[in-house]
Amino acid sequence: MKWTILASGSGGNTTYLESNGVKLLIDCGITYRQITTRLKAHNHSIDPLDAVLITHEHGDHIKGLDVTMKRHNATTYMTKDTYDGLPWRVKDNVDPTKIEIITPYEPFFINHLKITPISISHDASDAVGYVIEDEDKKLVYVTDIGYLPKRDYELFTGADAYIFESNYDVTMLFTSSRPFYLKQRIDSVKGHMSNNDSAYNLAQLVRTNTKYIILAHRSRECNTDELVLQTYQDVFADYGLTLSDYEVCVAKQDIPTKLFKL
């Protein structure tokens, strides 16, 4: 299994994943041209594309979906409420026969890949994260989440790789010029996850087999890479963990990550 995060943040989110000939995208939040151009940096192409996994209907996750579906005979997976919540400009331009409705906590397969959608606390119709399993390897993808309930810990524990939201620094958020209602929305259980909450959750989920931690959806206005990494280092130390034992990366909005491999 190998993957790269092509874009991560409020300006658009797309991740490319490939395994034994199966190619898929998680979200299409940037234009189709940007997707293909950024993949060329890794000498990769999404042709032929097998599937698109949509987390929820917000624009920074579905901006390029209609064009991508027109260019490829790929199945797009999303929950019914997410499909119903798509903006009309997208819904009117996608082929409904290529939409596969999924249900949280009910696994499905794309060839040999086992994929389990997990309900996510966010202000969307029915947001999900994904657990992707390739034989004995497991990747957890969780962004746009206000909090992670303990009931989901078992599903997320012990992954080989995590793509996990670390959106904002609390002090930077509440001292920013953003309207107070927006600050409350971001800091709510239906909003996004702070650096501290992200680190405390992940410190309880990683195990000795965990190799990669990719921190995603970082706010450009209310966070920095340095704050994310320092918070993680401090919190992991509180749990007796050493952050340098893992390969850690903060995903960017405009620059794709390296190609990770398991």
Protein backbone atom coordinates (compact mmCIF):
# COMPACT_ATOMS: atom_id res chain seq x y z
CA MET A 1 0.00 0.00 0.00
CA LYS A 2 1.30 3.46 -0.89
CA TRP A 3 -0.25 6.90 -0.71
CA THR A 4 0.33 10.62 -0.90
CA ILE A 5 -1.77 13.48 0.42
CA LEU A 6 -2.16 15.79 -2.56
CA ALA A 7 -3.87 18.58 -0.61
CA SER A 8 -4.96 19.02 2.99
CA GLY A 9 -6.77 21.95 4.57
CA SER A 10 -9.77 24.22 4.22
CA GLY A 11 -8.73 25.04 0.64
CA GLY A 12 -9.23 21.43 -0.48
CA ASN A 13 -8.52 17.83 0.51
CA THR A 14 -7.48 14.89 -1.66
CA THR A 15 -5.45 11.76 -0.91
CA TYR A 16 -4.26 9.22 -3.48
CA LEU A 17 -3.84 5.57 -2.45
CA GLU A 18 -2.67 2.60 -4.49
CA SER A 19 -2.31 -1.09 -3.64
CA ASN A 20 -1.60 -4.02 -5.96
CA GLY A 21 -3.05 -2.25 -8.97
CA VAL A 22 -6.06 -0.75 -7.17
CA LYS A 23 -6.11 3.06 -7.35
CA LEU A 24 -8.42 5.25 -5.32
CA LEU A 25 -8.88 8.79 -4.10
CA ILE A 26 -10.09 9.82 -0.67
CA ASP A 27 -12.09 13.00 -1.36
CA CYS A 28 -11.88 15.24 -4.44
CA GLY A 29 -11.54 18.66 -2.87
CA ILE A 30 -9.23 20.16 -5.49
CA THR A 31 -9.71 20.41 -9.24
CA TYR A 32 -9.12 17.44 -11.48
CA ARG A 33 -6.25 19.31 -13.13
CA GLN A 34 -4.60 19.87 -9.74
CA ILE A 35 -5.02 16.18 -8.86
CA THR A 36 -3.33 14.98 -12.02
CA THR A 37 -0.62 17.65 -11.92
CA ARG A 38 0.32 16.94 -8.32
CA LEU A 39 0.46 13.20 -8.95
CA LYS A 40 2.94 13.80 -11.76
CA ALA A 41 5.38 14.98 -9.09
CA HIS A 42 5.53 11.31 -8.06
CA ASN A 43 5.48 10.04 -11.65
CA HIS A 44 2.03 8.60 -10.96
CA SER A 45 -1.29 8.74 -12.75
CA ILE A 46 -4.80 7.97 -11.51
CA ASP A 47 -5.61 6.31 -14.84
CA PRO A 48 -7.29 3.88 -14.47
CA LEU A 49 -9.06 5.05 -11.31
CA ASP A 50 -11.04 2.38 -9.45
CA ALA A 51 -12.82 4.31 -6.71
CA VAL A 52 -13.37 7.57 -4.88
CA LEU A 53 -14.14 7.57 -1.15
CA ILE A 54 -16.00 10.69 -0.02
CA THR A 55 -15.92 11.68 3.65
CA HIS A 56 -18.65 14.36 3.50
CA GLU A 57 -20.26 16.94 1.23
CA HIS A 58 -18.42 20.13 2.17
CA GLY A 59 -16.90 21.94 -0.80
CA ASP A 60 -13.28 21.40 0.24
CA HIS A 61 -13.89 17.66 -0.12
CA ILE A 62 -15.97 17.43 -3.32
CA LYS A 63 -14.87 20.39 -5.47
CA GLY A 64 -13.41 18.22 -8.24
CA LEU A 65 -15.73 15.24 -7.91
CA ASP A 66 -17.95 15.90 -10.93
CA VAL A 67 -15.07 16.28 -13.39
CA THR A 68 -13.22 13.30 -11.91
CA MET A 69 -16.29 11.09 -12.28
CA LYS A 70 -16.77 12.21 -15.88
CA ARG A 71 -13.16 11.41 -16.76
CA HIS A 72 -13.08 7.97 -15.14
CA ASN A 73 -15.34 4.96 -14.89
CA ALA A 74 -14.79 4.81 -11.15
CA THR A 75 -17.30 4.01 -8.41
CA THR A 76 -17.77 6.75 -5.83
CA TYR A 77 -18.61 5.66 -2.29
CA MET A 78 -20.51 7.87 0.17
CA THR A 79 -23.33 7.66 2.68
CA LYS A 80 -26.91 8.34 1.60
CA ASP A 81 -27.13 11.53 3.62
CA THR A 82 -23.88 12.76 2.10
CA TYR A 83 -25.24 12.08 -1.40
CA ASP A 84 -28.49 13.85 -0.55
CA GLY A 85 -26.48 16.79 0.79
CA LEU A 86 -24.35 17.29 -2.32
CA PRO A 87 -24.77 20.74 -3.86
CA TRP A 88 -26.87 20.66 -7.01
CA ARG A 89 -24.02 21.82 -9.21
CA VAL A 90 -22.25 18.57 -8.32
CA LYS A 91 -25.25 16.25 -8.10
CA ASP A 92 -26.55 17.32 -11.51
CA ASN A 93 -23.19 16.52 -13.07
CA VAL A 94 -22.46 13.06 -11.67
CA ASP A 95 -23.79 9.73 -12.89
CA PRO A 96 -25.94 8.29 -10.08
CA THR A 97 -25.28 4.74 -11.37
CA LYS A 98 -21.64 5.23 -10.37
CA ILE A 99 -22.55 6.12 -6.78
CA GLU A 100 -22.34 3.33 -4.20
CA ILE A 101 -24.13 4.07 -0.92
CA ILE A 102 -22.24 2.96 2.17
CA THR A 103 -23.24 2.64 5.81
CA PRO A 104 -21.00 3.56 8.75
CA TYR A 105 -19.44 0.53 10.47
CA GLU A 106 -20.39 -1.81 7.60
CA PRO A 107 -17.18 -2.87 5.79
CA PHE A 108 -17.02 -3.19 2.02
CA PHE A 109 -14.33 -4.36 -0.38
CA ILE A 110 -12.62 -2.81 -3.36
CA ASN A 111 -10.86 -5.82 -4.80
CA HIS A 112 -8.60 -7.00 -1.95
CA LEU A 113 -8.89 -3.80 0.12
CA LYS A 114 -11.22 -3.95 3.11
CA ILE A 115 -12.67 -0.53 3.87
CA THR A 116 -14.69 0.33 6.97
CA PRO A 117 -16.40 3.75 7.12
CA ILE A 118 -16.60 5.21 10.62
CA SER A 119 -19.03 7.92 11.77
CA ILE A 120 -17.28 11.23 12.45
CA SER A 121 -18.51 14.09 14.65
CA HIS A 122 -18.64 17.07 12.28
CA ASP A 123 -21.21 19.61 11.11
CA ALA A 124 -22.02 17.71 7.93
CA SER A 125 -24.92 15.44 6.96
CA ASP A 126 -23.17 12.15 7.77
CA ALA A 127 -19.39 12.55 7.81
CA VAL A 128 -17.18 9.47 7.91
CA GLY A 129 -13.55 8.51 8.29
CA TYR A 130 -12.10 5.32 6.84
CA VAL A 131 -10.14 2.32 8.08
CA ILE A 132 -8.39 0.77 5.08
CA GLU A 133 -6.92 -2.71 5.48
CA ASP A 134 -4.59 -4.40 3.01
CA GLU A 135 -3.95 -7.94 4.27
CA ASP A 136 -2.05 -7.33 7.54
CA LYS A 137 -1.58 -3.58 7.08
CA LYS A 138 -4.00 -0.93 8.35
CA LEU A 139 -4.33 2.75 7.57
CA VAL A 140 -6.69 5.07 9.48
CA TYR A 141 -7.97 8.23 7.78
CA VAL A 142 -9.70 10.73 10.11
CA THR A 143 -10.14 14.44 9.39
CA ASP A 144 -12.88 17.05 9.99
CA ILE A 145 -13.69 15.71 13.44
CA GLY A 146 -14.75 17.53 16.59
CA TYR A 147 -14.06 14.67 18.98
CA LEU A 148 -13.33 10.95 18.90
CA PRO A 149 -15.62 8.82 21.11
CA LYS A 150 -14.06 5.99 23.09
CA ARG A 151 -16.36 3.51 21.34
CA ASP A 152 -14.29 3.90 18.18
CA TYR A 153 -10.90 3.40 19.81
CA GLU A 154 -10.88 -0.35 19.18
CA LEU A 155 -11.35 0.17 15.44
CA PHE A 156 -8.59 2.77 15.25
CA THR A 157 -6.04 1.22 17.61
CA GLY A 158 -2.81 -0.26 16.31
CA ALA A 159 -2.82 1.04 12.74
CA ASP A 160 0.41 0.99 10.78
CA ALA A 161 -0.32 4.51 9.56
CA TYR A 162 -2.54 7.38 10.65
CA ILE A 163 -3.76 10.33 8.62
CA PHE A 164 -5.25 12.27 11.50
CA GLU A 165 -6.54 15.80 11.90
CA SER A 166 -4.62 18.39 13.90
CA ASN A 167 -6.43 21.53 12.82
CA TYR A 168 -5.82 24.42 15.22
CA ASP A 169 -3.94 25.76 18.19
CA VAL A 170 -6.44 26.92 20.81
CA THR A 171 -4.61 30.15 21.67
CA MET A 172 -4.13 31.12 18.02
CA LEU A 173 -7.78 30.39 17.27
CA PHE A 174 -9.24 32.48 20.07
CA THR A 175 -6.84 35.38 19.56
CA SER A 176 -7.45 35.42 15.80
CA SER A 177 -9.60 37.97 14.00
CA ARG A 178 -12.20 35.35 13.10
CA PRO A 179 -15.81 36.01 14.21
CA PHE A 180 -16.61 34.51 17.60
CA TYR A 181 -19.36 32.27 16.20
CA LEU A 182 -16.78 30.72 13.85
CA LYS A 183 -14.32 30.19 16.69
CA GLN A 184 -17.07 28.42 18.66
CA ARG A 185 -17.99 26.28 15.66
CA ILE A 186 -14.37 25.18 15.08
CA ASP A 187 -13.84 24.45 18.79
CA SER A 188 -17.09 22.50 19.17
CA VAL A 189 -17.64 18.73 19.14
CA LYS A 190 -19.05 19.18 15.61
CA GLY A 191 -16.11 21.24 14.42
CA HIS A 192 -12.42 20.40 14.17
CA MET A 193 -9.78 18.88 16.42
CA SER A 194 -7.17 20.97 18.21
CA ASN A 195 -3.51 20.00 18.37
CA ASN A 196 -3.87 18.94 22.00
CA ASP A 197 -6.95 16.80 21.45
CA SER A 198 -5.42 15.26 18.36
CA ALA A 199 -2.22 14.33 20.17
CA TYR A 200 -3.97 12.96 23.27
CA ASN A 201 -6.19 10.75 21.12
CA LEU A 202 -3.40 9.46 18.94
CA ALA A 203 -1.11 8.80 21.90
CA GLN A 204 -3.70 6.25 23.04
CA LEU A 205 -4.11 4.66 19.62
CA VAL A 206 -0.56 4.07 18.38
CA ARG A 207 1.20 0.77 19.02
CA THR A 208 4.69 -0.59 18.40
CA ASN A 209 3.80 -1.45 14.78
CA THR A 210 2.76 2.14 13.99
CA LYS A 211 5.18 3.59 11.45
CA TYR A 212 3.63 6.78 10.04
CA ILE A 213 1.74 9.69 11.56
CA ILE A 214 0.54 12.24 8.99
CA LEU A 215 -1.14 15.23 10.61
CA ALA A 216 -3.81 16.68 8.37
CA HIS A 217 -6.14 19.63 7.76
CA ARG A 218 -3.87 22.13 9.54
CA SER A 219 -5.32 25.62 9.65
CA ARG A 220 -3.18 28.16 7.82
CA GLU A 221 -4.41 31.03 10.02
CA CYS A 222 -4.68 29.36 13.43
CA ASN A 223 -1.83 26.85 13.49
CA THR A 224 1.77 26.23 12.46
CA ASP A 225 3.79 23.12 11.73
CA GLU A 226 6.01 23.96 14.67
CA LEU A 227 3.09 24.14 17.11
CA VAL A 228 1.65 20.87 15.83
CA LEU A 229 4.92 19.01 16.25
CA GLN A 230 5.78 20.56 19.61
CA THR A 231 2.35 19.71 20.99
CA TYR A 232 2.67 16.13 19.78
CA GLN A 233 6.14 15.82 21.26
CA ASP A 234 4.97 17.09 24.65
CA VAL A 235 1.80 14.99 24.80
CA PHE A 236 3.51 11.81 23.62
CA ALA A 237 6.13 12.35 26.33
CA ASP A 238 3.31 12.53 28.89
CA TYR A 239 2.30 9.04 27.75
CA GLY A 240 5.86 7.71 27.85
CA LEU A 241 6.15 7.79 24.07
CA THR A 242 8.91 9.25 21.93
CA LEU A 243 7.65 11.07 18.85
CA SER A 244 10.89 10.37 16.97
CA ASP A 245 10.02 6.66 17.03
CA TYR A 246 7.50 7.43 14.27
CA GLU A 247 7.85 9.11 10.90
CA VAL A 248 5.77 12.26 11.38
CA CYS A 249 4.64 14.66 8.67
CA VAL A 250 2.34 17.69 8.64
CA ALA A 251 0.39 17.63 5.37
CA LYS A 252 0.27 20.85 3.34
CA GLN A 253 -2.45 22.63 1.39
CA ASP A 254 -0.52 23.31 -1.79
CA ILE A 255 2.35 20.81 -1.79
CA PRO A 256 1.80 17.03 -1.95
CA THR A 257 3.49 14.88 0.67
CA LYS A 258 6.07 12.30 -0.28
CA LEU A 259 4.85 8.88 -1.37
CA PHE A 260 4.47 6.78 1.78
CA LYS A 261 4.73 2.99 1.57
CA LEU A 262 3.76 0.08 3.80
